[in-house]
Amino acid sequence: MKTVLYCRVSTTEQTLDHQQTQAEKAGFVFDRVVADHGVSGVNVKMRDRPEGRRLFDMLRDGDILVVRWVDRLGRNYADVTETIREFMAQGVVIKTVINGLTFDGSTKDPMQMAVRDAMIAFMAASAQAQAEALKIAQKAGIEHAKAEAAQRTKVYRGRKPSFDRKTLARVIEMLAEDAGVTAIADETGLTRQTVMRIRSDPAAADKNLSEWGL
């Protein structure tokens, strides 16, 4: 009989060490540690993981599989429940570090089986629900950040110019010819205030057009 710890993190930036440390502090002693690093528990089934799939050949009747919590097995309800039931059918006992739960397929009492299966279903569903909630929260956070960035950009750009590049070029041309503000405004259709702003800083007017993609 052997005891195996299975660890998993979904991104390469995360570390696995804390899962083993937490299990050891809870009193578990392992013969072997199997770990998947940077593997999603939502999209990648246990049998499709580089290390996780080895458990199906490694574990035998009477062996103990330890996980920090059910979500380390996965965050897909169907995959998690199927994986646990398959291990139990092989005689493998599954234990969680958090809450100290034990899933044992050896019991034949119908009430105990019902409670066990209900707990498995609840925990697997919770794992998937947490993943979906996190995904929604991340999406909302990204959309909020984009909206704030767009608002900041809009504020930075200021008011959209009332002229295009062709009109700006004509204003600058007429200014070079010493045309008056009123004459320029009459020809271009711009207000006198706009013509005066262009006259005072033509480079800023050109930059404003660029910021608005005009």
N, C-alpha and C. Protein backbone atom coordinates (compact mmCIF):
# COMPACT_ATOMS: atom_id res chain seq x y z
N MET A 1 0.84 -1.19 0.00
CA MET A 1 0.00 0.00 0.00
C MET A 1 0.88 1.24 0.00
N LYS A 2 0.57 2.19 -0.87
CA LYS A 2 1.37 3.42 -0.95
C LYS A 2 0.45 4.64 -0.91
N THR A 3 1.06 5.74 -0.52
CA THR A 3 0.34 7.01 -0.47
C THR A 3 0.95 7.96 -1.49
N VAL A 4 0.09 8.52 -2.35
CA VAL A 4 0.55 9.41 -3.42
C VAL A 4 -0.14 10.77 -3.27
N LEU A 5 0.64 11.83 -3.34
CA LEU A 5 0.09 13.18 -3.32
C LEU A 5 0.02 13.68 -4.76
N TYR A 6 -1.16 14.18 -5.13
CA TYR A 6 -1.30 14.78 -6.45
C TYR A 6 -1.49 16.28 -6.30
N CYS A 7 -0.65 17.04 -6.99
CA CYS A 7 -0.71 18.50 -6.97
C CYS A 7 -0.96 19.02 -8.39
N ARG A 8 -1.60 20.16 -8.46
CA ARG A 8 -1.82 20.79 -9.77
C ARG A 8 -1.97 22.30 -9.60
N VAL A 9 -1.36 23.05 -10.52
CA VAL A 9 -1.60 24.49 -10.63
C VAL A 9 -1.89 24.77 -12.10
N SER A 10 -2.73 25.77 -12.35
CA SER A 10 -3.21 25.99 -13.71
C SER A 10 -2.34 26.91 -14.54
N THR A 11 -1.41 27.64 -13.91
CA THR A 11 -0.53 28.52 -14.68
C THR A 11 0.92 28.26 -14.31
N THR A 12 1.82 28.60 -15.22
CA THR A 12 3.24 28.37 -14.97
C THR A 12 3.80 29.35 -13.95
N GLU A 13 3.07 30.45 -13.69
CA GLU A 13 3.54 31.42 -12.70
C GLU A 13 3.31 30.93 -11.27
N GLN A 14 2.38 30.00 -11.10
CA GLN A 14 2.08 29.48 -9.76
C GLN A 14 3.08 28.40 -9.37
N THR A 15 3.21 28.18 -8.06
CA THR A 15 4.12 27.14 -7.57
C THR A 15 3.32 26.02 -6.91
N LEU A 16 3.93 24.85 -6.89
CA LEU A 16 3.29 23.66 -6.33
C LEU A 16 3.70 23.40 -4.89
N ASP A 17 4.78 24.04 -4.44
CA ASP A 17 5.37 23.71 -3.14
C ASP A 17 4.39 23.83 -1.99
N HIS A 18 3.54 24.85 -2.03
CA HIS A 18 2.66 25.08 -0.88
C HIS A 18 1.66 23.95 -0.68
N GLN A 19 1.29 23.25 -1.77
CA GLN A 19 0.34 22.15 -1.64
C GLN A 19 0.98 20.98 -0.88
N GLN A 20 2.22 20.68 -1.20
CA GLN A 20 2.92 19.62 -0.47
C GLN A 20 3.17 20.02 0.98
N THR A 21 3.60 21.27 1.19
CA THR A 21 3.86 21.74 2.55
C THR A 21 2.61 21.68 3.41
N GLN A 22 1.48 22.08 2.84
CA GLN A 22 0.21 22.07 3.57
C GLN A 22 -0.19 20.65 3.94
N ALA A 23 0.02 19.72 3.02
CA ALA A 23 -0.32 18.32 3.28
C ALA A 23 0.58 17.73 4.37
N GLU A 24 1.85 18.06 4.32
CA GLU A 24 2.78 17.55 5.33
C GLU A 24 2.45 18.10 6.71
N LYS A 25 2.06 19.37 6.77
CA LYS A 25 1.69 19.95 8.06
C LYS A 25 0.42 19.30 8.62
N ALA A 26 -0.40 18.75 7.72
CA ALA A 26 -1.62 18.07 8.16
C ALA A 26 -1.34 16.63 8.60
N GLY A 27 -0.08 16.21 8.49
CA GLY A 27 0.30 14.89 8.98
C GLY A 27 0.44 13.81 7.92
N PHE A 28 0.31 14.17 6.66
CA PHE A 28 0.43 13.17 5.60
C PHE A 28 1.89 12.88 5.29
N VAL A 29 2.16 11.61 5.03
CA VAL A 29 3.49 11.17 4.60
C VAL A 29 3.32 10.46 3.26
N PHE A 30 4.14 10.82 2.28
CA PHE A 30 3.93 10.31 0.92
C PHE A 30 5.06 9.40 0.48
N ASP A 31 4.70 8.45 -0.32
CA ASP A 31 5.70 7.62 -0.99
C ASP A 31 6.09 8.26 -2.32
N ARG A 32 5.18 9.09 -2.83
CA ARG A 32 5.44 9.69 -4.14
C ARG A 32 4.58 10.95 -4.31
N VAL A 33 5.12 11.91 -5.05
CA VAL A 33 4.38 13.12 -5.38
C VAL A 33 4.27 13.21 -6.90
N VAL A 34 3.05 13.37 -7.37
CA VAL A 34 2.79 13.52 -8.81
C VAL A 34 2.20 14.91 -9.00
N ALA A 35 2.75 15.67 -9.94
CA ALA A 35 2.32 17.07 -10.08
C ALA A 35 2.21 17.48 -11.54
N ASP A 36 1.15 18.24 -11.82
CA ASP A 36 0.96 18.86 -13.13
C ASP A 36 1.10 20.37 -12.96
N HIS A 37 2.05 20.95 -13.68
CA HIS A 37 2.35 22.37 -13.55
C HIS A 37 1.86 23.10 -14.79
N GLY A 38 1.02 24.12 -14.61
CA GLY A 38 0.51 24.88 -15.74
C GLY A 38 -0.52 24.14 -16.55
N VAL A 39 -1.38 23.36 -15.87
CA VAL A 39 -2.41 22.58 -16.55
C VAL A 39 -3.79 22.98 -16.03
N SER A 40 -4.67 23.34 -16.93
CA SER A 40 -6.02 23.77 -16.54
C SER A 40 -6.83 22.60 -16.01
N GLY A 41 -7.56 22.86 -14.93
CA GLY A 41 -8.46 21.84 -14.40
C GLY A 41 -9.83 21.94 -15.01
N VAL A 42 -10.06 22.98 -15.82
CA VAL A 42 -11.35 23.17 -16.47
C VAL A 42 -11.37 22.49 -17.83
N ASN A 43 -10.33 22.74 -18.61
CA ASN A 43 -10.32 22.29 -20.00
C ASN A 43 -9.57 20.99 -20.25
N VAL A 44 -8.73 20.59 -19.31
CA VAL A 44 -7.91 19.39 -19.52
C VAL A 44 -8.34 18.30 -18.53
N LYS A 45 -8.85 17.21 -19.05
CA LYS A 45 -9.29 16.11 -18.20
C LYS A 45 -8.10 15.43 -17.53
N MET A 46 -8.37 14.73 -16.43
CA MET A 46 -7.30 14.06 -15.71
C MET A 46 -6.52 13.10 -16.62
N ARG A 47 -7.22 12.35 -17.44
CA ARG A 47 -6.57 11.37 -18.32
C ARG A 47 -5.73 12.02 -19.42
N ASP A 48 -5.94 13.32 -19.65
CA ASP A 48 -5.20 14.01 -20.70
C ASP A 48 -4.02 14.82 -20.17
N ARG A 49 -3.81 14.79 -18.87
CA ARG A 49 -2.72 15.57 -18.29
C ARG A 49 -1.43 14.75 -18.31
N PRO A 50 -0.30 15.43 -18.52
CA PRO A 50 0.99 14.72 -18.61
C PRO A 50 1.28 13.81 -17.42
N GLU A 51 1.01 14.31 -16.20
CA GLU A 51 1.30 13.53 -15.00
C GLU A 51 0.04 12.88 -14.42
N GLY A 52 -1.06 13.58 -14.49
CA GLY A 52 -2.30 13.05 -13.91
C GLY A 52 -2.70 11.69 -14.48
N ARG A 53 -2.50 11.49 -15.76
CA ARG A 53 -2.90 10.22 -16.38
C ARG A 53 -2.10 9.04 -15.85
N ARG A 54 -0.91 9.32 -15.30
CA ARG A 54 -0.09 8.24 -14.75
C ARG A 54 -0.72 7.62 -13.52
N LEU A 55 -1.57 8.40 -12.84
CA LEU A 55 -2.20 7.89 -11.62
C LEU A 55 -3.06 6.66 -11.88
N PHE A 56 -3.68 6.61 -13.05
CA PHE A 56 -4.57 5.49 -13.35
C PHE A 56 -3.81 4.17 -13.45
N ASP A 57 -2.55 4.22 -13.83
CA ASP A 57 -1.72 3.01 -13.90
C ASP A 57 -0.94 2.80 -12.61
N MET A 58 -0.67 3.86 -11.91
CA MET A 58 0.17 3.79 -10.71
C MET A 58 -0.59 3.27 -9.49
N LEU A 59 -1.83 3.72 -9.32
CA LEU A 59 -2.57 3.41 -8.10
C LEU A 59 -3.22 2.03 -8.17
N ARG A 60 -3.18 1.33 -7.03
CA ARG A 60 -3.73 -0.01 -6.93
C ARG A 60 -4.68 -0.11 -5.74
N ASP A 61 -5.33 -1.22 -5.62
CA ASP A 61 -6.25 -1.48 -4.52
C ASP A 61 -5.56 -1.29 -3.18
N GLY A 62 -6.12 -0.44 -2.33
CA GLY A 62 -5.55 -0.18 -1.01
C GLY A 62 -4.67 1.06 -0.96
N ASP A 63 -4.31 1.60 -2.11
CA ASP A 63 -3.48 2.81 -2.14
C ASP A 63 -4.31 4.03 -1.72
N ILE A 64 -3.59 5.07 -1.30
CA ILE A 64 -4.24 6.31 -0.87
C ILE A 64 -3.79 7.45 -1.78
N LEU A 65 -4.76 8.19 -2.30
CA LEU A 65 -4.47 9.37 -3.12
C LEU A 65 -4.84 10.60 -2.30
N VAL A 66 -3.87 11.48 -2.09
CA VAL A 66 -4.08 12.69 -1.30
C VAL A 66 -4.09 13.90 -2.23
N VAL A 67 -5.07 14.78 -2.04
CA VAL A 67 -5.12 16.05 -2.78
C VAL A 67 -5.46 17.16 -1.80
N ARG A 68 -4.98 18.35 -2.10
CA ARG A 68 -5.26 19.49 -1.21
C ARG A 68 -6.76 19.68 -1.05
N TRP A 69 -7.45 19.65 -2.18
CA TRP A 69 -8.91 19.69 -2.19
C TRP A 69 -9.36 19.09 -3.50
N VAL A 70 -10.65 18.84 -3.64
CA VAL A 70 -11.17 18.19 -4.85
C VAL A 70 -10.85 18.99 -6.11
N ASP A 71 -10.74 20.32 -6.00
CA ASP A 71 -10.49 21.13 -7.18
C ASP A 71 -9.13 20.87 -7.81
N ARG A 72 -8.21 20.20 -7.05
CA ARG A 72 -6.92 19.85 -7.66
C ARG A 72 -7.09 18.71 -8.67
N LEU A 73 -8.11 17.89 -8.45
CA LEU A 73 -8.41 16.84 -9.44
C LEU A 73 -8.98 17.46 -10.70
N GLY A 74 -9.66 18.60 -10.55
CA GLY A 74 -10.22 19.28 -11.71
C GLY A 74 -11.31 20.24 -11.31
N ARG A 75 -11.73 21.04 -12.28
CA ARG A 75 -12.83 21.98 -12.05
C ARG A 75 -13.95 21.75 -13.07
N ASN A 76 -14.00 20.53 -13.57
CA ASN A 76 -15.07 20.13 -14.47
C ASN A 76 -15.88 19.05 -13.78
N TYR A 77 -17.16 19.32 -13.53
CA TYR A 77 -17.99 18.42 -12.73
C TYR A 77 -17.95 16.98 -13.23
N ALA A 78 -18.18 16.79 -14.52
CA ALA A 78 -18.25 15.44 -15.07
C ALA A 78 -16.93 14.71 -14.93
N ASP A 79 -15.83 15.42 -15.21
CA ASP A 79 -14.51 14.78 -15.14
C ASP A 79 -14.12 14.43 -13.71
N VAL A 80 -14.40 15.34 -12.77
CA VAL A 80 -14.03 15.09 -11.38
C VAL A 80 -14.80 13.90 -10.81
N THR A 81 -16.12 13.89 -11.00
CA THR A 81 -16.92 12.79 -10.45
C THR A 81 -16.53 11.46 -11.09
N GLU A 82 -16.28 11.48 -12.39
CA GLU A 82 -15.88 10.24 -13.09
C GLU A 82 -14.53 9.75 -12.58
N THR A 83 -13.59 10.68 -12.38
CA THR A 83 -12.25 10.31 -11.89
C THR A 83 -12.32 9.70 -10.50
N ILE A 84 -13.06 10.34 -9.60
CA ILE A 84 -13.16 9.82 -8.23
C ILE A 84 -13.81 8.44 -8.23
N ARG A 85 -14.88 8.27 -8.97
CA ARG A 85 -15.58 6.98 -8.98
C ARG A 85 -14.70 5.88 -9.59
N GLU A 86 -13.91 6.24 -10.59
CA GLU A 86 -13.03 5.24 -11.19
C GLU A 86 -11.95 4.81 -10.21
N PHE A 87 -11.37 5.78 -9.49
CA PHE A 87 -10.36 5.42 -8.49
C PHE A 87 -10.97 4.56 -7.39
N MET A 88 -12.15 4.92 -6.92
CA MET A 88 -12.80 4.15 -5.86
C MET A 88 -13.10 2.73 -6.34
N ALA A 89 -13.49 2.59 -7.60
CA ALA A 89 -13.78 1.26 -8.15
C ALA A 89 -12.52 0.39 -8.17
N GLN A 90 -11.35 1.04 -8.26
CA GLN A 90 -10.08 0.31 -8.24
C GLN A 90 -9.63 0.00 -6.82
N GLY A 91 -10.38 0.49 -5.83
CA GLY A 91 -10.02 0.27 -4.44
C GLY A 91 -9.13 1.34 -3.87
N VAL A 92 -8.99 2.46 -4.57
CA VAL A 92 -8.16 3.58 -4.10
C VAL A 92 -8.99 4.46 -3.16
N VAL A 93 -8.37 4.85 -2.04
CA VAL A 93 -9.00 5.74 -1.08
C VAL A 93 -8.50 7.16 -1.36
N ILE A 94 -9.42 8.11 -1.48
CA ILE A 94 -9.05 9.50 -1.76
C ILE A 94 -9.25 10.33 -0.51
N LYS A 95 -8.22 11.10 -0.15
CA LYS A 95 -8.29 11.94 1.04
C LYS A 95 -7.94 13.37 0.67
N THR A 96 -8.66 14.32 1.30
CA THR A 96 -8.37 15.74 1.07
C THR A 96 -7.68 16.33 2.29
N VAL A 97 -6.74 17.24 2.02
CA VAL A 97 -6.04 17.92 3.11
C VAL A 97 -7.00 18.89 3.80
N ILE A 98 -7.68 19.71 2.99
CA ILE A 98 -8.66 20.65 3.52
C ILE A 98 -9.92 19.89 3.93
N ASN A 99 -10.38 20.12 5.11
CA ASN A 99 -11.57 19.49 5.70
C ASN A 99 -11.38 18.02 6.08
N GLY A 100 -10.26 17.42 5.69
CA GLY A 100 -9.96 16.05 6.09
C GLY A 100 -11.00 15.04 5.64
N LEU A 101 -11.50 15.16 4.43
CA LEU A 101 -12.53 14.24 3.93
C LEU A 101 -11.90 12.97 3.36
N THR A 102 -12.66 11.88 3.42
CA THR A 102 -12.21 10.60 2.88
C THR A 102 -13.30 10.02 1.98
N PHE A 103 -12.90 9.63 0.78
CA PHE A 103 -13.82 8.99 -0.16
C PHE A 103 -13.33 7.56 -0.38
N ASP A 104 -14.13 6.62 0.13
CA ASP A 104 -13.74 5.21 0.13
C ASP A 104 -14.83 4.41 -0.58
N GLY A 105 -14.44 3.66 -1.59
CA GLY A 105 -15.42 2.87 -2.34
C GLY A 105 -15.73 1.53 -1.72
N SER A 106 -15.13 1.21 -0.58
CA SER A 106 -15.31 -0.12 -0.01
C SER A 106 -16.64 -0.29 0.73
N THR A 107 -17.23 0.83 1.16
CA THR A 107 -18.48 0.70 1.91
C THR A 107 -19.59 0.13 1.03
N LYS A 108 -20.44 -0.71 1.65
CA LYS A 108 -21.57 -1.31 0.94
C LYS A 108 -22.90 -0.83 1.52
N ASP A 109 -22.81 -0.06 2.58
CA ASP A 109 -24.03 0.46 3.20
C ASP A 109 -24.66 1.50 2.28
N PRO A 110 -25.92 1.32 1.91
CA PRO A 110 -26.54 2.23 0.94
C PRO A 110 -26.64 3.67 1.43
N MET A 111 -26.86 3.89 2.73
CA MET A 111 -26.94 5.24 3.25
C MET A 111 -25.58 5.93 3.20
N GLN A 112 -24.55 5.19 3.60
CA GLN A 112 -23.20 5.76 3.55
C GLN A 112 -22.79 6.06 2.11
N MET A 113 -23.16 5.18 1.20
CA MET A 113 -22.86 5.40 -0.21
C MET A 113 -23.57 6.65 -0.73
N ALA A 114 -24.82 6.82 -0.32
CA ALA A 114 -25.60 7.98 -0.77
C ALA A 114 -24.99 9.28 -0.27
N VAL A 115 -24.59 9.29 1.00
CA VAL A 115 -23.98 10.48 1.58
C VAL A 115 -22.65 10.77 0.90
N ARG A 116 -21.86 9.72 0.70
CA ARG A 116 -20.55 9.88 0.04
C ARG A 116 -20.72 10.44 -1.37
N ASP A 117 -21.62 9.84 -2.14
CA ASP A 117 -21.81 10.28 -3.53
C ASP A 117 -22.36 11.70 -3.60
N ALA A 118 -23.23 12.04 -2.64
CA ALA A 118 -23.77 13.40 -2.60
C ALA A 118 -22.66 14.41 -2.31
N MET A 119 -21.75 14.04 -1.40
CA MET A 119 -20.65 14.92 -1.06
C MET A 119 -19.71 15.10 -2.26
N ILE A 120 -19.44 14.00 -2.96
CA ILE A 120 -18.59 14.08 -4.15
C ILE A 120 -19.22 15.01 -5.19
N ALA A 121 -20.51 14.83 -5.42
CA ALA A 121 -21.21 15.66 -6.40
C ALA A 121 -21.19 17.13 -5.99
N PHE A 122 -21.42 17.38 -4.71
CA PHE A 122 -21.44 18.77 -4.22
C PHE A 122 -20.07 19.43 -4.38
N MET A 123 -19.02 18.73 -4.00
CA MET A 123 -17.68 19.31 -4.06
C MET A 123 -17.23 19.50 -5.50
N ALA A 124 -17.57 18.56 -6.37
CA ALA A 124 -17.21 18.69 -7.79
C ALA A 124 -17.95 19.87 -8.41
N ALA A 125 -19.22 20.01 -8.06
CA ALA A 125 -20.01 21.13 -8.58
C ALA A 125 -19.47 22.45 -8.05
N SER A 126 -19.06 22.48 -6.79
CA SER A 126 -18.49 23.69 -6.21
C SER A 126 -17.21 24.09 -6.91
N ALA A 127 -16.38 23.10 -7.24
CA ALA A 127 -15.12 23.38 -7.92
C ALA A 127 -15.37 24.01 -9.29
N GLN A 128 -16.35 23.48 -10.02
CA GLN A 128 -16.66 24.04 -11.33
C GLN A 128 -17.29 25.43 -11.19
N ALA A 129 -18.19 25.57 -10.22
CA ALA A 129 -18.84 26.87 -10.02
C ALA A 129 -17.83 27.96 -9.67
N GLN A 130 -16.84 27.61 -8.85
CA GLN A 130 -15.81 28.58 -8.48
C GLN A 130 -15.01 29.01 -9.70
N ALA A 131 -14.68 28.03 -10.56
CA ALA A 131 -13.93 28.34 -11.77
C ALA A 131 -14.73 29.26 -12.68
N GLU A 132 -16.02 28.98 -12.83
CA GLU A 132 -16.86 29.81 -13.69
C GLU A 132 -17.03 31.21 -13.11
N ALA A 133 -17.18 31.30 -11.78
CA ALA A 133 -17.31 32.60 -11.14
C ALA A 133 -16.04 33.42 -11.31
N LEU A 134 -14.88 32.75 -11.19
CA LEU A 134 -13.60 33.44 -11.36
C LEU A 134 -13.46 33.94 -12.79
N LYS A 135 -13.88 33.13 -13.74
CA LYS A 135 -13.80 33.53 -15.15
C LYS A 135 -14.67 34.75 -15.42
N ILE A 136 -15.88 34.76 -14.86
CA ILE A 136 -16.79 35.89 -15.03
C ILE A 136 -16.20 37.15 -14.40
N ALA A 137 -15.63 36.97 -13.20
CA ALA A 137 -15.05 38.11 -12.50
C ALA A 137 -13.86 38.68 -13.27
N GLN A 138 -13.04 37.79 -13.82
CA GLN A 138 -11.89 38.23 -14.61
C GLN A 138 -12.34 38.98 -15.85
N LYS A 139 -13.37 38.46 -16.51
CA LYS A 139 -13.89 39.11 -17.72
C LYS A 139 -14.43 40.49 -17.39
N ALA A 140 -15.18 40.56 -16.27
CA ALA A 140 -15.73 41.85 -15.85
C ALA A 140 -14.61 42.84 -15.52
N GLY A 141 -13.56 42.34 -14.88
CA GLY A 141 -12.43 43.19 -14.53
C GLY A 141 -11.73 43.72 -15.77
N ILE A 142 -11.57 42.85 -16.76
CA ILE A 142 -10.92 43.26 -18.01
C ILE A 142 -11.75 44.32 -18.73
N GLU A 143 -13.07 44.07 -18.80
CA GLU A 143 -13.96 45.02 -19.47
C GLU A 143 -13.97 46.37 -18.75
N HIS A 144 -13.94 46.32 -17.41
CA HIS A 144 -13.92 47.55 -16.63
C HIS A 144 -12.62 48.32 -16.89
N ALA A 145 -11.50 47.59 -16.93
CA ALA A 145 -10.21 48.23 -17.17
C ALA A 145 -10.17 48.86 -18.56
N LYS A 146 -10.75 48.15 -19.54
CA LYS A 146 -10.79 48.69 -20.90
C LYS A 146 -11.63 49.97 -20.95
N ALA A 147 -12.78 49.93 -20.25
CA ALA A 147 -13.66 51.10 -20.25
C ALA A 147 -12.97 52.30 -19.60
N GLU A 148 -12.25 52.03 -18.50
CA GLU A 148 -11.54 53.12 -17.82
C GLU A 148 -10.42 53.68 -18.71
N ALA A 149 -9.73 52.76 -19.40
CA ALA A 149 -8.65 53.19 -20.28
C ALA A 149 -9.20 54.03 -21.43
N ALA A 150 -10.34 53.60 -21.97
CA ALA A 150 -10.96 54.35 -23.06
C ALA A 150 -11.41 55.72 -22.59
N GLN A 151 -11.94 55.78 -21.35
CA GLN A 151 -12.38 57.06 -20.80
C GLN A 151 -11.20 58.00 -20.58
N ARG A 152 -10.09 57.42 -20.06
CA ARG A 152 -8.89 58.24 -19.85
C ARG A 152 -8.36 58.78 -21.17
N THR A 153 -8.40 57.91 -22.18
CA THR A 153 -7.92 58.33 -23.51
C THR A 153 -8.80 59.42 -24.07
N LYS A 154 -10.12 59.25 -23.87
CA LYS A 154 -11.06 60.25 -24.37
C LYS A 154 -10.83 61.59 -23.70
N VAL A 155 -10.61 61.56 -22.38
CA VAL A 155 -10.35 62.79 -21.65
C VAL A 155 -9.05 63.43 -22.11
N TYR A 156 -8.05 62.59 -22.32
CA TYR A 156 -6.74 63.08 -22.74
C TYR A 156 -6.82 63.72 -24.12
N ARG A 157 -7.61 63.12 -25.02
CA ARG A 157 -7.71 63.63 -26.38
C ARG A 157 -8.47 64.95 -26.44
N GLY A 158 -9.34 65.16 -25.47
CA GLY A 158 -10.14 66.37 -25.49
C GLY A 158 -11.28 66.28 -26.50
N ARG A 159 -11.81 67.43 -26.84
CA ARG A 159 -12.95 67.47 -27.75
C ARG A 159 -12.51 67.13 -29.18
N LYS A 160 -13.37 66.41 -29.88
CA LYS A 160 -13.07 66.04 -31.25
C LYS A 160 -12.99 67.29 -32.12
N PRO A 161 -11.95 67.40 -32.95
CA PRO A 161 -11.79 68.60 -33.79
C PRO A 161 -12.98 68.81 -34.72
N SER A 162 -13.30 70.07 -34.96
CA SER A 162 -14.40 70.40 -35.88
C SER A 162 -13.90 70.56 -37.30
N PHE A 163 -12.63 70.24 -37.52
CA PHE A 163 -12.03 70.39 -38.85
C PHE A 163 -11.27 69.11 -39.20
N ASP A 164 -11.03 68.91 -40.49
CA ASP A 164 -10.23 67.78 -40.94
C ASP A 164 -8.87 68.30 -41.41
N ARG A 165 -8.05 67.43 -41.94
CA ARG A 165 -6.70 67.83 -42.33
C ARG A 165 -6.71 68.81 -43.52
N LYS A 166 -7.65 68.59 -44.41
CA LYS A 166 -7.74 69.49 -45.56
C LYS A 166 -8.08 70.90 -45.13
N THR A 167 -9.02 71.00 -44.18
CA THR A 167 -9.40 72.32 -43.68
C THR A 167 -8.26 72.96 -42.90
N LEU A 168 -7.57 72.14 -42.09
CA LEU A 168 -6.44 72.66 -41.32
C LEU A 168 -5.36 73.20 -42.26
N ALA A 169 -5.10 72.48 -43.33
CA ALA A 169 -4.09 72.92 -44.28
C ALA A 169 -4.48 74.26 -44.92
N ARG A 170 -5.77 74.41 -45.22
CA ARG A 170 -6.24 75.67 -45.82
C ARG A 170 -6.13 76.82 -44.83
N VAL A 171 -6.44 76.56 -43.57
CA VAL A 171 -6.32 77.61 -42.55
C VAL A 171 -4.88 78.07 -42.44
N ILE A 172 -3.95 77.10 -42.35
CA ILE A 172 -2.53 77.44 -42.22
C ILE A 172 -2.04 78.20 -43.45
N GLU A 173 -2.55 77.77 -44.61
CA GLU A 173 -2.17 78.44 -45.86
C GLU A 173 -2.64 79.89 -45.85
N MET A 174 -3.88 80.14 -45.45
CA MET A 174 -4.41 81.50 -45.44
C MET A 174 -3.73 82.36 -44.38
N LEU A 175 -3.37 81.73 -43.25
CA LEU A 175 -2.64 82.47 -42.23
C LEU A 175 -1.29 82.93 -42.76
N ALA A 176 -0.66 82.06 -43.55
CA ALA A 176 0.63 82.42 -44.14
C ALA A 176 0.49 83.56 -45.14
N GLU A 177 -0.71 83.71 -45.69
CA GLU A 177 -0.97 84.79 -46.65
C GLU A 177 -1.47 86.04 -45.95
N ASP A 178 -1.42 86.03 -44.59
CA ASP A 178 -1.86 87.15 -43.76
C ASP A 178 -3.35 87.44 -43.87
N ALA A 179 -4.13 86.40 -44.15
CA ALA A 179 -5.58 86.56 -44.19
C ALA A 179 -6.09 86.78 -42.78
N GLY A 180 -7.19 87.51 -42.65
CA GLY A 180 -7.75 87.79 -41.35
C GLY A 180 -8.55 86.61 -40.81
N VAL A 181 -8.75 86.60 -39.52
CA VAL A 181 -9.48 85.51 -38.86
C VAL A 181 -10.90 85.39 -39.41
N THR A 182 -11.56 86.52 -39.59
CA THR A 182 -12.93 86.50 -40.09
C THR A 182 -12.99 85.94 -41.49
N ALA A 183 -12.06 86.31 -42.33
CA ALA A 183 -12.04 85.83 -43.71
C ALA A 183 -11.81 84.32 -43.75
N ILE A 184 -10.90 83.85 -42.90
CA ILE A 184 -10.61 82.42 -42.86
C ILE A 184 -11.84 81.66 -42.36
N ALA A 185 -12.48 82.21 -41.35
CA ALA A 185 -13.66 81.55 -40.79
C ALA A 185 -14.77 81.48 -41.83
N ASP A 186 -14.95 82.55 -42.59
CA ASP A 186 -16.00 82.58 -43.61
C ASP A 186 -15.74 81.54 -44.70
N GLU A 187 -14.49 81.41 -45.10
CA GLU A 187 -14.17 80.47 -46.19
C GLU A 187 -14.22 79.02 -45.74
N THR A 188 -13.73 78.74 -44.54
CA THR A 188 -13.63 77.34 -44.09
C THR A 188 -14.86 76.86 -43.34
N GLY A 189 -15.68 77.79 -42.88
CA GLY A 189 -16.85 77.39 -42.11
C GLY A 189 -16.56 77.16 -40.64
N LEU A 190 -15.35 77.45 -40.22
CA LEU A 190 -14.98 77.30 -38.82
C LEU A 190 -15.37 78.55 -38.04
N THR A 191 -15.44 78.40 -36.74
CA THR A 191 -15.70 79.58 -35.90
C THR A 191 -14.43 80.40 -35.77
N ARG A 192 -14.61 81.65 -35.43
CA ARG A 192 -13.44 82.52 -35.23
C ARG A 192 -12.56 81.98 -34.11
N GLN A 193 -13.19 81.40 -33.03
CA GLN A 193 -12.41 80.87 -31.91
C GLN A 193 -11.52 79.71 -32.36
N THR A 194 -12.06 78.87 -33.24
CA THR A 194 -11.28 77.73 -33.73
C THR A 194 -10.11 78.20 -34.57
N VAL A 195 -10.36 79.17 -35.43
CA VAL A 195 -9.28 79.70 -36.26
C VAL A 195 -8.19 80.31 -35.39
N MET A 196 -8.60 81.01 -34.34
CA MET A 196 -7.61 81.64 -33.45
C MET A 196 -6.80 80.58 -32.70
N ARG A 197 -7.45 79.47 -32.29
CA ARG A 197 -6.70 78.40 -31.61
C ARG A 197 -5.68 77.78 -32.55
N ILE A 198 -6.07 77.59 -33.80
CA ILE A 198 -5.13 77.03 -34.78
C ILE A 198 -3.98 78.00 -35.01
N ARG A 199 -4.31 79.29 -35.09
CA ARG A 199 -3.27 80.31 -35.33
C ARG A 199 -2.26 80.34 -34.18
N SER A 200 -2.77 80.17 -32.96
CA SER A 200 -1.88 80.25 -31.79
C SER A 200 -1.00 79.01 -31.65
N ASP A 201 -1.49 77.85 -32.12
CA ASP A 201 -0.69 76.62 -31.97
C ASP A 201 -1.09 75.60 -33.05
N PRO A 202 -0.62 75.80 -34.28
CA PRO A 202 -0.97 74.87 -35.36
C PRO A 202 -0.48 73.44 -35.11
N ALA A 203 0.65 73.30 -34.39
CA ALA A 203 1.17 71.95 -34.10
C ALA A 203 0.21 71.18 -33.20
N ALA A 204 -0.39 71.88 -32.23
CA ALA A 204 -1.35 71.23 -31.34
C ALA A 204 -2.59 70.80 -32.10
N ALA A 205 -3.00 71.64 -33.07
CA ALA A 205 -4.16 71.29 -33.89
C ALA A 205 -3.89 70.03 -34.70
N ASP A 206 -2.69 69.93 -35.24
CA ASP A 206 -2.31 68.74 -36.01
C ASP A 206 -2.25 67.50 -35.12
N LYS A 207 -1.72 67.67 -33.90
CA LYS A 207 -1.62 66.56 -32.95
C LYS A 207 -3.01 66.08 -32.54
N ASN A 208 -3.94 67.01 -32.37
CA ASN A 208 -5.31 66.66 -31.99
C ASN A 208 -5.96 65.81 -33.07
N LEU A 209 -5.72 66.14 -34.31
CA LEU A 209 -6.25 65.33 -35.42
C LEU A 209 -5.69 63.91 -35.37
N SER A 210 -4.40 63.80 -35.09
CA SER A 210 -3.76 62.48 -35.03
C SER A 210 -4.31 61.64 -33.91
N GLU A 211 -4.55 62.28 -32.75
CA GLU A 211 -5.10 61.54 -31.61
C GLU A 211 -6.48 60.98 -31.87
N TRP A 212 -7.20 61.65 -32.71
CA TRP A 212 -8.55 61.18 -33.07
C TRP A 212 -8.55 60.34 -34.33
N GLY A 213 -7.36 60.10 -34.86
CA GLY A 213 -7.28 59.25 -36.05
C GLY A 213 -7.83 59.92 -37.29
N LEU A 214 -7.74 61.25 -37.34
CA LEU A 214 -8.29 62.01 -38.49
C LEU A 214 -7.17 62.45 -39.42
